[in-house]
All heavy atoms as atom14 arrays in JSON, in Angstrom:
{
  "sequence": "NMRHALGLAVVAMTFVCWPHLSKATDAPARLVVGENSIEELLRLPESL",
  "atom14_mask": [
    [1, 1, 1, 1, 1, 1, 1, 1, 0, 0, 0, 0, 0, 0],
    [1, 1, 1, 1, 1, 1, 1, 1, 0, 0, 0, 0, 0, 0],
    [1, 1, 1, 1, 1, 1, 1, 1, 1, 1, 1, 0, 0, 0],
    [1, 1, 1, 1, 1, 1, 1, 1, 1, 1, 0, 0, 0, 0],
    [1, 1, 1, 1, 1, 0, 0, 0, 0, 0, 0, 0, 0, 0],
    [1, 1, 1, 1, 1, 1, 1, 1, 0, 0, 0, 0, 0, 0],
    [1, 1, 1, 1, 0, 0, 0, 0, 0, 0, 0, 0, 0, 0],
    [1, 1, 1, 1, 1, 1, 1, 1, 0, 0, 0, 0, 0, 0],
    [1, 1, 1, 1, 1, 0, 0, 0, 0, 0, 0, 0, 0, 0],
    [1, 1, 1, 1, 1, 1, 1, 0, 0, 0, 0, 0, 0, 0],
    [1, 1, 1, 1, 1, 1, 1, 0, 0, 0, 0, 0, 0, 0],
    [1, 1, 1, 1, 1, 0, 0, 0, 0, 0, 0, 0, 0, 0],
    [1, 1, 1, 1, 1, 1, 1, 1, 0, 0, 0, 0, 0, 0],
    [1, 1, 1, 1, 1, 1, 1, 0, 0, 0, 0, 0, 0, 0],
    [1, 1, 1, 1, 1, 1, 1, 1, 1, 1, 1, 0, 0, 0],
    [1, 1, 1, 1, 1, 1, 1, 0, 0, 0, 0, 0, 0, 0],
    [1, 1, 1, 1, 1, 1, 0, 0, 0, 0, 0, 0, 0, 0],
    [1, 1, 1, 1, 1, 1, 1, 1, 1, 1, 1, 1, 1, 1],
    [1, 1, 1, 1, 1, 1, 1, 0, 0, 0, 0, 0, 0, 0],
    [1, 1, 1, 1, 1, 1, 1, 1, 1, 1, 0, 0, 0, 0],
    [1, 1, 1, 1, 1, 1, 1, 1, 0, 0, 0, 0, 0, 0],
    [1, 1, 1, 1, 1, 1, 0, 0, 0, 0, 0, 0, 0, 0],
    [1, 1, 1, 1, 1, 1, 1, 1, 1, 0, 0, 0, 0, 0],
    [1, 1, 1, 1, 1, 0, 0, 0, 0, 0, 0, 0, 0, 0],
    [1, 1, 1, 1, 1, 1, 1, 0, 0, 0, 0, 0, 0, 0],
    [1, 1, 1, 1, 1, 1, 1, 1, 0, 0, 0, 0, 0, 0],
    [1, 1, 1, 1, 1, 0, 0, 0, 0, 0, 0, 0, 0, 0],
    [1, 1, 1, 1, 1, 1, 1, 0, 0, 0, 0, 0, 0, 0],
    [1, 1, 1, 1, 1, 0, 0, 0, 0, 0, 0, 0, 0, 0],
    [1, 1, 1, 1, 1, 1, 1, 1, 1, 1, 1, 0, 0, 0],
    [1, 1, 1, 1, 1, 1, 1, 1, 0, 0, 0, 0, 0, 0],
    [1, 1, 1, 1, 1, 1, 1, 0, 0, 0, 0, 0, 0, 0],
    [1, 1, 1, 1, 1, 1, 1, 0, 0, 0, 0, 0, 0, 0],
    [1, 1, 1, 1, 0, 0, 0, 0, 0, 0, 0, 0, 0, 0],
    [1, 1, 1, 1, 1, 1, 1, 1, 1, 0, 0, 0, 0, 0],
    [1, 1, 1, 1, 1, 1, 1, 1, 0, 0, 0, 0, 0, 0],
    [1, 1, 1, 1, 1, 1, 0, 0, 0, 0, 0, 0, 0, 0],
    [1, 1, 1, 1, 1, 1, 1, 1, 0, 0, 0, 0, 0, 0],
    [1, 1, 1, 1, 1, 1, 1, 1, 1, 0, 0, 0, 0, 0],
    [1, 1, 1, 1, 1, 1, 1, 1, 1, 0, 0, 0, 0, 0],
    [1, 1, 1, 1, 1, 1, 1, 1, 0, 0, 0, 0, 0, 0],
    [1, 1, 1, 1, 1, 1, 1, 1, 0, 0, 0, 0, 0, 0],
    [1, 1, 1, 1, 1, 1, 1, 1, 1, 1, 1, 0, 0, 0],
    [1, 1, 1, 1, 1, 1, 1, 1, 0, 0, 0, 0, 0, 0],
    [1, 1, 1, 1, 1, 1, 1, 0, 0, 0, 0, 0, 0, 0],
    [1, 1, 1, 1, 1, 1, 1, 1, 1, 0, 0, 0, 0, 0],
    [1, 1, 1, 1, 1, 1, 0, 0, 0, 0, 0, 0, 0, 0],
    [1, 1, 1, 1, 1, 1, 1, 1, 0, 0, 0, 0, 0, 0]
  ],
  "atom14_positions": [
    [[4.03, -31.35, -13.86], [4.97, -31.55, -14.95], [4.4, -32.46, -16.03], [4.59, -32.24, -17.23], [6.29, -32.14, -14.42], [7.05, -31.15, -13.57], [6.93, -29.94, -13.77], [7.81, -31.65, -12.61], [0.0, 0.0, 0.0], [0.0, 0.0, 0.0], [0.0, 0.0, 0.0], [0.0, 0.0, 0.0], [0.0, 0.0, 0.0], [0.0, 0.0, 0.0]],
    [[3.68, -33.49, -15.57], [3.08, -34.41, -16.54], [1.99, -33.7, -17.34], [1.88, -33.87, -18.54], [2.5, -35.63, -15.84], [1.94, -36.69, -16.81], [1.27, -38.12, -15.94], [2.77, -38.77, -15.19], [0.0, 0.0, 0.0], [0.0, 0.0, 0.0], [0.0, 0.0, 0.0], [0.0, 0.0, 0.0], [0.0, 0.0, 0.0], [0.0, 0.0, 0.0]],
    [[1.21, -32.86, -16.65], [0.17, -32.14, -17.35], [0.77, -31.25, -18.43], [0.26, -31.17, -19.55], [-0.63, -31.27, -16.37], [-1.44, -32.07, -15.37], [-2.27, -31.16, -14.52], [-2.92, -31.89, -13.44], [-3.86, -31.4, -12.68], [-4.28, -30.17, -12.86], [-4.39, -32.13, -11.72], [0.0, 0.0, 0.0], [0.0, 0.0, 0.0], [0.0, 0.0, 0.0]],
    [[1.87, -30.57, -18.11], [2.5, -29.68, -19.09], [3.02, -30.47, -20.27], [2.82, -30.1, -21.43], [3.64, -28.91, -18.43], [4.4, -28.05, -19.39], [3.82, -26.97, -20.02], [5.68, -28.13, -19.83], [4.72, -26.41, -20.8], [5.84, -27.08, -20.7], [0.0, 0.0, 0.0], [0.0, 0.0, 0.0], [0.0, 0.0, 0.0], [0.0, 0.0, 0.0]],
    [[3.68, -31.59, -19.99], [4.23, -32.41, -21.07], [3.12, -32.95, -21.97], [3.24, -32.96, -23.19], [5.04, -33.57, -20.48], [0.0, 0.0, 0.0], [0.0, 0.0, 0.0], [0.0, 0.0, 0.0], [0.0, 0.0, 0.0], [0.0, 0.0, 0.0], [0.0, 0.0, 0.0], [0.0, 0.0, 0.0], [0.0, 0.0, 0.0], [0.0, 0.0, 0.0]],
    [[2.02, -33.37, -21.34], [0.9, -33.87, -22.13], [0.28, -32.76, -22.97], [-0.12, -32.99, -24.11], [-0.14, -34.49, -21.21], [0.23, -35.85, -20.6], [-0.76, -36.22, -19.52], [0.28, -36.92, -21.67], [0.0, 0.0, 0.0], [0.0, 0.0, 0.0], [0.0, 0.0, 0.0], [0.0, 0.0, 0.0], [0.0, 0.0, 0.0], [0.0, 0.0, 0.0]],
    [[0.23, -31.56, -22.39], [-0.33, -30.46, -23.15], [0.46, -30.17, -24.4], [-0.09, -29.92, -25.47], [0.0, 0.0, 0.0], [0.0, 0.0, 0.0], [0.0, 0.0, 0.0], [0.0, 0.0, 0.0], [0.0, 0.0, 0.0], [0.0, 0.0, 0.0], [0.0, 0.0, 0.0], [0.0, 0.0, 0.0], [0.0, 0.0, 0.0], [0.0, 0.0, 0.0]],
    [[1.8, -30.2, -24.3], [2.64, -29.97, -25.47], [2.49, -31.06, -26.5], [2.72, -30.85, -27.69], [4.11, -29.87, -25.03], [4.47, -28.68, -24.14], [5.93, -28.76, -23.72], [4.19, -27.37, -24.86], [0.0, 0.0, 0.0], [0.0, 0.0, 0.0], [0.0, 0.0, 0.0], [0.0, 0.0, 0.0], [0.0, 0.0, 0.0], [0.0, 0.0, 0.0]],
    [[2.1, -32.26, -26.07], [2.02, -33.39, -26.99], [0.68, -33.54, -27.68], [0.54, -34.29, -28.64], [2.31, -34.69, -26.23], [0.0, 0.0, 0.0], [0.0, 0.0, 0.0], [0.0, 0.0, 0.0], [0.0, 0.0, 0.0], [0.0, 0.0, 0.0], [0.0, 0.0, 0.0], [0.0, 0.0, 0.0], [0.0, 0.0, 0.0], [0.0, 0.0, 0.0]],
    [[-0.34, -32.79, -27.23], [-1.68, -33.01, -27.75], [-1.79, -32.78, -29.24], [-2.41, -33.54, -29.96], [-2.7, -32.14, -26.98], [-3.88, -31.76, -27.84], [-3.19, -32.91, -25.77], [0.0, 0.0, 0.0], [0.0, 0.0, 0.0], [0.0, 0.0, 0.0], [0.0, 0.0, 0.0], [0.0, 0.0, 0.0], [0.0, 0.0, 0.0], [0.0, 0.0, 0.0]],
    [[-1.18, -31.7, -29.74], [-1.29, -31.43, -31.17], [-0.6, -32.53, -31.97], [-1.08, -32.95, -33.01], [-0.69, -30.05, -31.51], [-0.73, -29.82, -33.01], [-1.48, -28.95, -30.81], [0.0, 0.0, 0.0], [0.0, 0.0, 0.0], [0.0, 0.0, 0.0], [0.0, 0.0, 0.0], [0.0, 0.0, 0.0], [0.0, 0.0, 0.0], [0.0, 0.0, 0.0]],
    [[0.54, -33.01, -31.45], [1.21, -34.12, -32.14], [0.32, -35.35, -32.17], [0.31, -36.11, -33.14], [2.53, -34.45, -31.44], [0.0, 0.0, 0.0], [0.0, 0.0, 0.0], [0.0, 0.0, 0.0], [0.0, 0.0, 0.0], [0.0, 0.0, 0.0], [0.0, 0.0, 0.0], [0.0, 0.0, 0.0], [0.0, 0.0, 0.0], [0.0, 0.0, 0.0]],
    [[-0.48, -35.56, -31.13], [-1.39, -36.71, -31.09], [-2.41, -36.63, -32.21], [-2.89, -37.65, -32.72], [-2.1, -36.76, -29.73], [-1.21, -37.16, -28.57], [-2.01, -36.82, -26.98], [-3.53, -37.74, -27.15], [0.0, 0.0, 0.0], [0.0, 0.0, 0.0], [0.0, 0.0, 0.0], [0.0, 0.0, 0.0], [0.0, 0.0, 0.0], [0.0, 0.0, 0.0]],
    [[-2.76, -35.4, -32.6], [-3.73, -35.24, -33.68], [-3.22, -35.88, -34.96], [-3.97, -36.49, -35.71], [-4.0, -33.74, -33.92], [-4.45, -33.15, -32.7], [-5.05, -33.54, -35.0], [0.0, 0.0, 0.0], [0.0, 0.0, 0.0], [0.0, 0.0, 0.0], [0.0, 0.0, 0.0], [0.0, 0.0, 0.0], [0.0, 0.0, 0.0], [0.0, 0.0, 0.0]],
    [[-1.93, -35.75, -35.21], [-1.37, -36.32, -36.43], [-1.31, -37.84, -36.35], [-1.39, -38.53, -37.35], [0.02, -35.74, -36.69], [-0.01, -34.3, -37.12], [-0.01, -33.29, -36.19], [-0.09, -33.97, -38.46], [-0.08, -31.96, -36.58], [-0.15, -32.64, -38.86], [-0.14, -31.63, -37.91], [0.0, 0.0, 0.0], [0.0, 0.0, 0.0], [0.0, 0.0, 0.0]],
    [[-1.19, -38.38, -35.15], [-1.24, -39.82, -34.99], [-2.64, -40.33, -35.27], [-2.84, -41.38, -35.89], [-0.8, -40.22, -33.55], [-0.99, -41.71, -33.33], [0.65, -39.82, -33.32], [0.0, 0.0, 0.0], [0.0, 0.0, 0.0], [0.0, 0.0, 0.0], [0.0, 0.0, 0.0], [0.0, 0.0, 0.0], [0.0, 0.0, 0.0], [0.0, 0.0, 0.0]],
    [[-3.65, -39.56, -34.83], [-5.04, -39.95, -35.07], [-5.42, -39.83, -36.53], [-6.3, -40.52, -37.02], [-5.97, -39.08, -34.23], [-5.8, -39.3, -32.45], [0.0, 0.0, 0.0], [0.0, 0.0, 0.0], [0.0, 0.0, 0.0], [0.0, 0.0, 0.0], [0.0, 0.0, 0.0], [0.0, 0.0, 0.0], [0.0, 0.0, 0.0], [0.0, 0.0, 0.0]],
    [[-4.74, -38.92, -37.28], [-5.09, -38.67, -38.67], [-3.91, -38.97, -39.58], [-3.43, -38.1, -40.29], [-5.48, -37.21, -38.86], [-6.7, -36.79, -38.11], [-7.47, -37.54, -37.28], [-7.29, -35.48, -38.13], [-8.5, -36.79, -36.78], [-8.42, -35.53, -37.28], [-6.98, -34.3, -38.78], [-9.24, -34.44, -37.07], [-7.79, -33.21, -38.58], [-8.91, -33.27, -37.73]],
    [[-3.36, -40.16, -39.58], [-2.14, -40.44, -40.32], [-2.27, -40.33, -41.82], [-1.29, -40.08, -42.5], [-1.82, -41.89, -39.91], [-3.15, -42.48, -39.56], [-3.91, -41.36, -38.92], [0.0, 0.0, 0.0], [0.0, 0.0, 0.0], [0.0, 0.0, 0.0], [0.0, 0.0, 0.0], [0.0, 0.0, 0.0], [0.0, 0.0, 0.0], [0.0, 0.0, 0.0]],
    [[-3.48, -40.51, -42.35], [-3.62, -40.52, -43.8], [-3.95, -39.16, -44.39], [-4.01, -39.01, -45.6], [-4.73, -41.51, -44.19], [-6.07, -41.15, -43.65], [-6.43, -41.37, -42.35], [-7.13, -40.55, -44.25], [-7.67, -40.95, -42.16], [-8.12, -40.43, -43.29], [0.0, 0.0, 0.0], [0.0, 0.0, 0.0], [0.0, 0.0, 0.0], [0.0, 0.0, 0.0]],
    [[-4.15, -38.13, -43.56], [-4.55, -36.83, -44.1], [-3.45, -36.18, -44.93], [-3.73, -35.4, -45.82], [-4.98, -35.89, -42.97], [-6.39, -36.12, -42.42], [-6.74, -35.01, -41.44], [-7.42, -36.16, -43.53], [0.0, 0.0, 0.0], [0.0, 0.0, 0.0], [0.0, 0.0, 0.0], [0.0, 0.0, 0.0], [0.0, 0.0, 0.0], [0.0, 0.0, 0.0]],
    [[-2.2, -36.48, -44.63], [-1.12, -35.86, -45.38], [-1.14, -36.26, -46.84], [-0.58, -35.58, -47.69], [0.24, -36.22, -44.75], [0.42, -37.63, -44.77], [0.0, 0.0, 0.0], [0.0, 0.0, 0.0], [0.0, 0.0, 0.0], [0.0, 0.0, 0.0], [0.0, 0.0, 0.0], [0.0, 0.0, 0.0], [0.0, 0.0, 0.0], [0.0, 0.0, 0.0]],
    [[-1.79, -37.4, -47.17], [-1.85, -37.88, -48.54], [-3.27, -37.8, -49.11], [-3.52, -38.24, -50.22], [-1.36, -39.33, -48.62], [0.1, -39.49, -48.18], [0.53, -40.94, -48.28], [1.98, -41.12, -47.85], [2.41, -42.53, -47.92], [0.0, 0.0, 0.0], [0.0, 0.0, 0.0], [0.0, 0.0, 0.0], [0.0, 0.0, 0.0], [0.0, 0.0, 0.0]],
    [[-4.19, -37.21, -48.34], [-5.58, -37.18, -48.76], [-5.78, -36.17, -49.89], [-5.09, -35.16, -49.98], [-6.47, -36.83, -47.58], [0.0, 0.0, 0.0], [0.0, 0.0, 0.0], [0.0, 0.0, 0.0], [0.0, 0.0, 0.0], [0.0, 0.0, 0.0], [0.0, 0.0, 0.0], [0.0, 0.0, 0.0], [0.0, 0.0, 0.0], [0.0, 0.0, 0.0]],
    [[-6.75, -36.45, -50.76], [-7.09, -35.5, -51.81], [-8.0, -34.41, -51.29], [-8.12, -33.35, -51.89], [-7.77, -36.22, -52.98], [-8.93, -36.91, -52.48], [-6.83, -37.22, -53.62], [0.0, 0.0, 0.0], [0.0, 0.0, 0.0], [0.0, 0.0, 0.0], [0.0, 0.0, 0.0], [0.0, 0.0, 0.0], [0.0, 0.0, 0.0], [0.0, 0.0, 0.0]],
    [[-8.67, -34.66, -50.15], [-9.5, -33.66, -49.48], [-9.15, -33.67, -48.0], [-9.13, -34.73, -47.37], [-10.98, -33.98, -49.65], [-11.42, -33.89, -51.1], [-11.33, -32.8, -51.68], [-11.85, -34.93, -51.64], [0.0, 0.0, 0.0], [0.0, 0.0, 0.0], [0.0, 0.0, 0.0], [0.0, 0.0, 0.0], [0.0, 0.0, 0.0], [0.0, 0.0, 0.0]],
    [[-8.88, -32.51, -47.44], [-8.52, -32.42, -46.03], [-8.73, -30.99, -45.54], [-8.62, -30.03, -46.31], [-7.07, -32.84, -45.82], [0.0, 0.0, 0.0], [0.0, 0.0, 0.0], [0.0, 0.0, 0.0], [0.0, 0.0, 0.0], [0.0, 0.0, 0.0], [0.0, 0.0, 0.0], [0.0, 0.0, 0.0], [0.0, 0.0, 0.0], [0.0, 0.0, 0.0]],
    [[-9.03, -30.83, -44.25], [-9.2, -29.48, -43.69], [-7.85, -28.83, -43.43], [-6.81, -29.49, -43.41], [-9.93, -29.76, -42.38], [-9.41, -31.11, -41.96], [-9.26, -31.88, -43.24], [0.0, 0.0, 0.0], [0.0, 0.0, 0.0], [0.0, 0.0, 0.0], [0.0, 0.0, 0.0], [0.0, 0.0, 0.0], [0.0, 0.0, 0.0], [0.0, 0.0, 0.0]],
    [[-7.87, -27.52, -43.23], [-6.67, -26.82, -42.77], [-6.34, -27.33, -41.38], [-7.23, -27.62, -40.59], [-6.9, -25.32, -42.75], [0.0, 0.0, 0.0], [0.0, 0.0, 0.0], [0.0, 0.0, 0.0], [0.0, 0.0, 0.0], [0.0, 0.0, 0.0], [0.0, 0.0, 0.0], [0.0, 0.0, 0.0], [0.0, 0.0, 0.0], [0.0, 0.0, 0.0]],
    [[-5.04, -27.45, -41.09], [-4.63, -28.02, -39.81], [-3.57, -27.17, -39.13], [-2.83, -26.42, -39.77], [-4.09, -29.44, -40.03], [-5.15, -30.47, -40.37], [-4.53, -31.76, -40.87], [-4.06, -31.63, -42.24], [-3.05, -32.32, -42.76], [-2.38, -33.16, -42.0], [-2.71, -32.16, -44.02], [0.0, 0.0, 0.0], [0.0, 0.0, 0.0], [0.0, 0.0, 0.0]],
    [[-3.49, -27.33, -37.82], [-2.44, -26.68, -37.04], [-1.13, -27.43, -37.22], [-1.12, -28.62, -37.53], [-2.84, -26.67, -35.56], [-4.15, -25.96, -35.22], [-4.56, -26.26, -33.79], [-4.03, -24.47, -35.45], [0.0, 0.0, 0.0], [0.0, 0.0, 0.0], [0.0, 0.0, 0.0], [0.0, 0.0, 0.0], [0.0, 0.0, 0.0], [0.0, 0.0, 0.0]],
    [[-0.04, -26.72, -37.03], [1.27, -27.35, -37.13], [1.88, -27.53, -35.75], [1.42, -26.95, -34.77], [2.24, -26.52, -38.02], [1.66, -26.32, -39.41], [2.55, -25.18, -37.36], [0.0, 0.0, 0.0], [0.0, 0.0, 0.0], [0.0, 0.0, 0.0], [0.0, 0.0, 0.0], [0.0, 0.0, 0.0], [0.0, 0.0, 0.0], [0.0, 0.0, 0.0]],
    [[2.91, -28.34, -35.69], [3.64, -28.59, -34.45], [5.03, -27.96, -34.59], [5.61, -27.96, -35.67], [3.78, -30.1, -34.2], [4.58, -30.37, -32.93], [2.41, -30.75, -34.11], [0.0, 0.0, 0.0], [0.0, 0.0, 0.0], [0.0, 0.0, 0.0], [0.0, 0.0, 0.0], [0.0, 0.0, 0.0], [0.0, 0.0, 0.0], [0.0, 0.0, 0.0]],
    [[5.57, -27.42, -33.49], [6.93, -26.92, -33.53], [7.03, -25.41, -33.49], [6.12, -24.72, -33.02], [0.0, 0.0, 0.0], [0.0, 0.0, 0.0], [0.0, 0.0, 0.0], [0.0, 0.0, 0.0], [0.0, 0.0, 0.0], [0.0, 0.0, 0.0], [0.0, 0.0, 0.0], [0.0, 0.0, 0.0], [0.0, 0.0, 0.0], [0.0, 0.0, 0.0]],
    [[8.12, -24.89, -34.02], [8.46, -23.48, -33.84], [7.47, -22.54, -34.52], [7.39, -21.36, -34.16], [9.86, -23.21, -34.36], [10.05, -23.47, -35.84], [11.47, -23.22, -36.3], [12.33, -22.99, -35.43], [11.72, -23.25, -37.52], [0.0, 0.0, 0.0], [0.0, 0.0, 0.0], [0.0, 0.0, 0.0], [0.0, 0.0, 0.0], [0.0, 0.0, 0.0]],
    [[6.72, -23.0, -35.51], [5.75, -22.16, -36.2], [4.33, -22.35, -35.69], [3.37, -21.9, -36.32], [5.79, -22.43, -37.7], [7.08, -21.95, -38.34], [7.58, -20.87, -38.01], [7.63, -22.74, -39.23], [0.0, 0.0, 0.0], [0.0, 0.0, 0.0], [0.0, 0.0, 0.0], [0.0, 0.0, 0.0], [0.0, 0.0, 0.0], [0.0, 0.0, 0.0]],
    [[4.17, -23.01, -34.55], [2.85, -23.26, -33.99], [2.4, -22.09, -33.11], [3.22, -21.29, -32.63], [2.86, -24.54, -33.15], [3.67, -24.36, -31.99], [0.0, 0.0, 0.0], [0.0, 0.0, 0.0], [0.0, 0.0, 0.0], [0.0, 0.0, 0.0], [0.0, 0.0, 0.0], [0.0, 0.0, 0.0], [0.0, 0.0, 0.0], [0.0, 0.0, 0.0]],
    [[1.11, -21.99, -32.91], [0.57, -20.97, -32.01], [1.16, -21.13, -30.61], [1.52, -20.15, -29.94], [-0.96, -21.04, -31.96], [-1.56, -20.63, -33.31], [-1.52, -20.15, -30.85], [-3.06, -20.79, -33.4], [0.0, 0.0, 0.0], [0.0, 0.0, 0.0], [0.0, 0.0, 0.0], [0.0, 0.0, 0.0], [0.0, 0.0, 0.0], [0.0, 0.0, 0.0]],
    [[1.26, -22.39, -30.15], [1.77, -22.63, -28.81], [3.17, -22.07, -28.6], [3.48, -21.49, -27.56], [1.78, -24.14, -28.51], [0.41, -24.76, -28.33], [-0.19, -25.27, -29.63], [0.3, -24.86, -30.72], [-1.13, -26.06, -29.58], [0.0, 0.0, 0.0], [0.0, 0.0, 0.0], [0.0, 0.0, 0.0], [0.0, 0.0, 0.0], [0.0, 0.0, 0.0]],
    [[4.04, -22.24, -29.61], [5.42, -21.77, -29.47], [5.55, -20.26, -29.67], [6.44, -19.63, -29.11], [6.31, -22.5, -30.49], [6.52, -23.97, -30.19], [7.28, -24.2, -28.9], [8.16, -23.38, -28.56], [6.99, -25.19, -28.21], [0.0, 0.0, 0.0], [0.0, 0.0, 0.0], [0.0, 0.0, 0.0], [0.0, 0.0, 0.0], [0.0, 0.0, 0.0]],
    [[4.65, -19.69, -30.45], [4.75, -18.26, -30.78], [4.02, -17.36, -29.79], [4.27, -16.16, -29.76], [4.21, -18.02, -32.18], [5.02, -18.65, -33.32], [4.26, -18.54, -34.64], [6.39, -17.99, -33.44], [0.0, 0.0, 0.0], [0.0, 0.0, 0.0], [0.0, 0.0, 0.0], [0.0, 0.0, 0.0], [0.0, 0.0, 0.0], [0.0, 0.0, 0.0]],
    [[3.13, -17.93, -29.0], [2.37, -17.11, -28.05], [3.26, -16.66, -26.9], [3.88, -17.46, -26.21], [1.19, -17.91, -27.51], [0.31, -17.19, -26.47], [-0.24, -15.88, -27.01], [-0.83, -18.11, -26.01], [0.0, 0.0, 0.0], [0.0, 0.0, 0.0], [0.0, 0.0, 0.0], [0.0, 0.0, 0.0], [0.0, 0.0, 0.0], [0.0, 0.0, 0.0]],
    [[3.32, -15.35, -26.7], [4.06, -14.76, -25.6], [3.06, -14.21, -24.6], [2.38, -13.21, -24.85], [4.97, -13.65, -26.11], [6.01, -14.13, -27.13], [7.03, -15.05, -26.47], [8.01, -15.55, -27.42], [7.94, -16.71, -28.04], [6.91, -17.53, -27.77], [8.85, -17.09, -28.89], [0.0, 0.0, 0.0], [0.0, 0.0, 0.0], [0.0, 0.0, 0.0]],
    [[2.96, -14.87, -23.47], [1.99, -14.44, -22.46], [2.42, -13.12, -21.83], [3.61, -12.91, -21.56], [1.86, -15.51, -21.38], [1.38, -16.89, -21.83], [1.28, -17.82, -20.63], [0.04, -16.8, -22.54], [0.0, 0.0, 0.0], [0.0, 0.0, 0.0], [0.0, 0.0, 0.0], [0.0, 0.0, 0.0], [0.0, 0.0, 0.0], [0.0, 0.0, 0.0]],
    [[1.48, -12.21, -21.59], [1.82, -10.94, -20.94], [2.43, -11.18, -19.56], [1.99, -12.06, -18.82], [0.46, -10.24, -20.82], [-0.4, -10.87, -21.86], [0.05, -12.3, -21.95], [0.0, 0.0, 0.0], [0.0, 0.0, 0.0], [0.0, 0.0, 0.0], [0.0, 0.0, 0.0], [0.0, 0.0, 0.0], [0.0, 0.0, 0.0], [0.0, 0.0, 0.0]],
    [[3.45, -10.42, -19.23], [4.1, -10.58, -17.93], [3.14, -10.3, -16.78], [3.29, -10.85, -15.69], [5.32, -9.66, -17.85], [6.45, -10.04, -18.81], [7.66, -9.16, -18.62], [7.63, -8.27, -17.73], [8.64, -9.35, -19.36], [0.0, 0.0, 0.0], [0.0, 0.0, 0.0], [0.0, 0.0, 0.0], [0.0, 0.0, 0.0], [0.0, 0.0, 0.0]],
    [[2.17, -9.45, -17.03], [1.22, -9.07, -15.97], [0.04, -10.03, -15.85], [-0.85, -9.8, -15.02], [0.69, -7.65, -16.25], [0.02, -7.61, -17.5], [0.0, 0.0, 0.0], [0.0, 0.0, 0.0], [0.0, 0.0, 0.0], [0.0, 0.0, 0.0], [0.0, 0.0, 0.0], [0.0, 0.0, 0.0], [0.0, 0.0, 0.0], [0.0, 0.0, 0.0]],
    [[0.03, -11.11, -16.65], [-1.1, -12.02, -16.64], [-1.25, -12.71, -15.28], [-0.31, -13.32, -14.77], [-0.93, -13.09, -17.73], [-2.09, -14.08, -17.9], [-3.33, -13.34, -18.4], [-1.7, -15.2, -18.86], [0.0, 0.0, 0.0], [0.0, 0.0, 0.0], [0.0, 0.0, 0.0], [0.0, 0.0, 0.0], [0.0, 0.0, 0.0], [0.0, 0.0, 0.0]]
  ]
}
């Protein structure tokens, strides 16, 4: 359970590590957290 919870939190940790990128004049493309993220939108095959 802890591993799963930590896995969900990793992307959010990225924003903690990079707090100033939201105001930067130069920054890379970044992943988002929440309902529009790859993690939330990925539907694993039932036969996996």
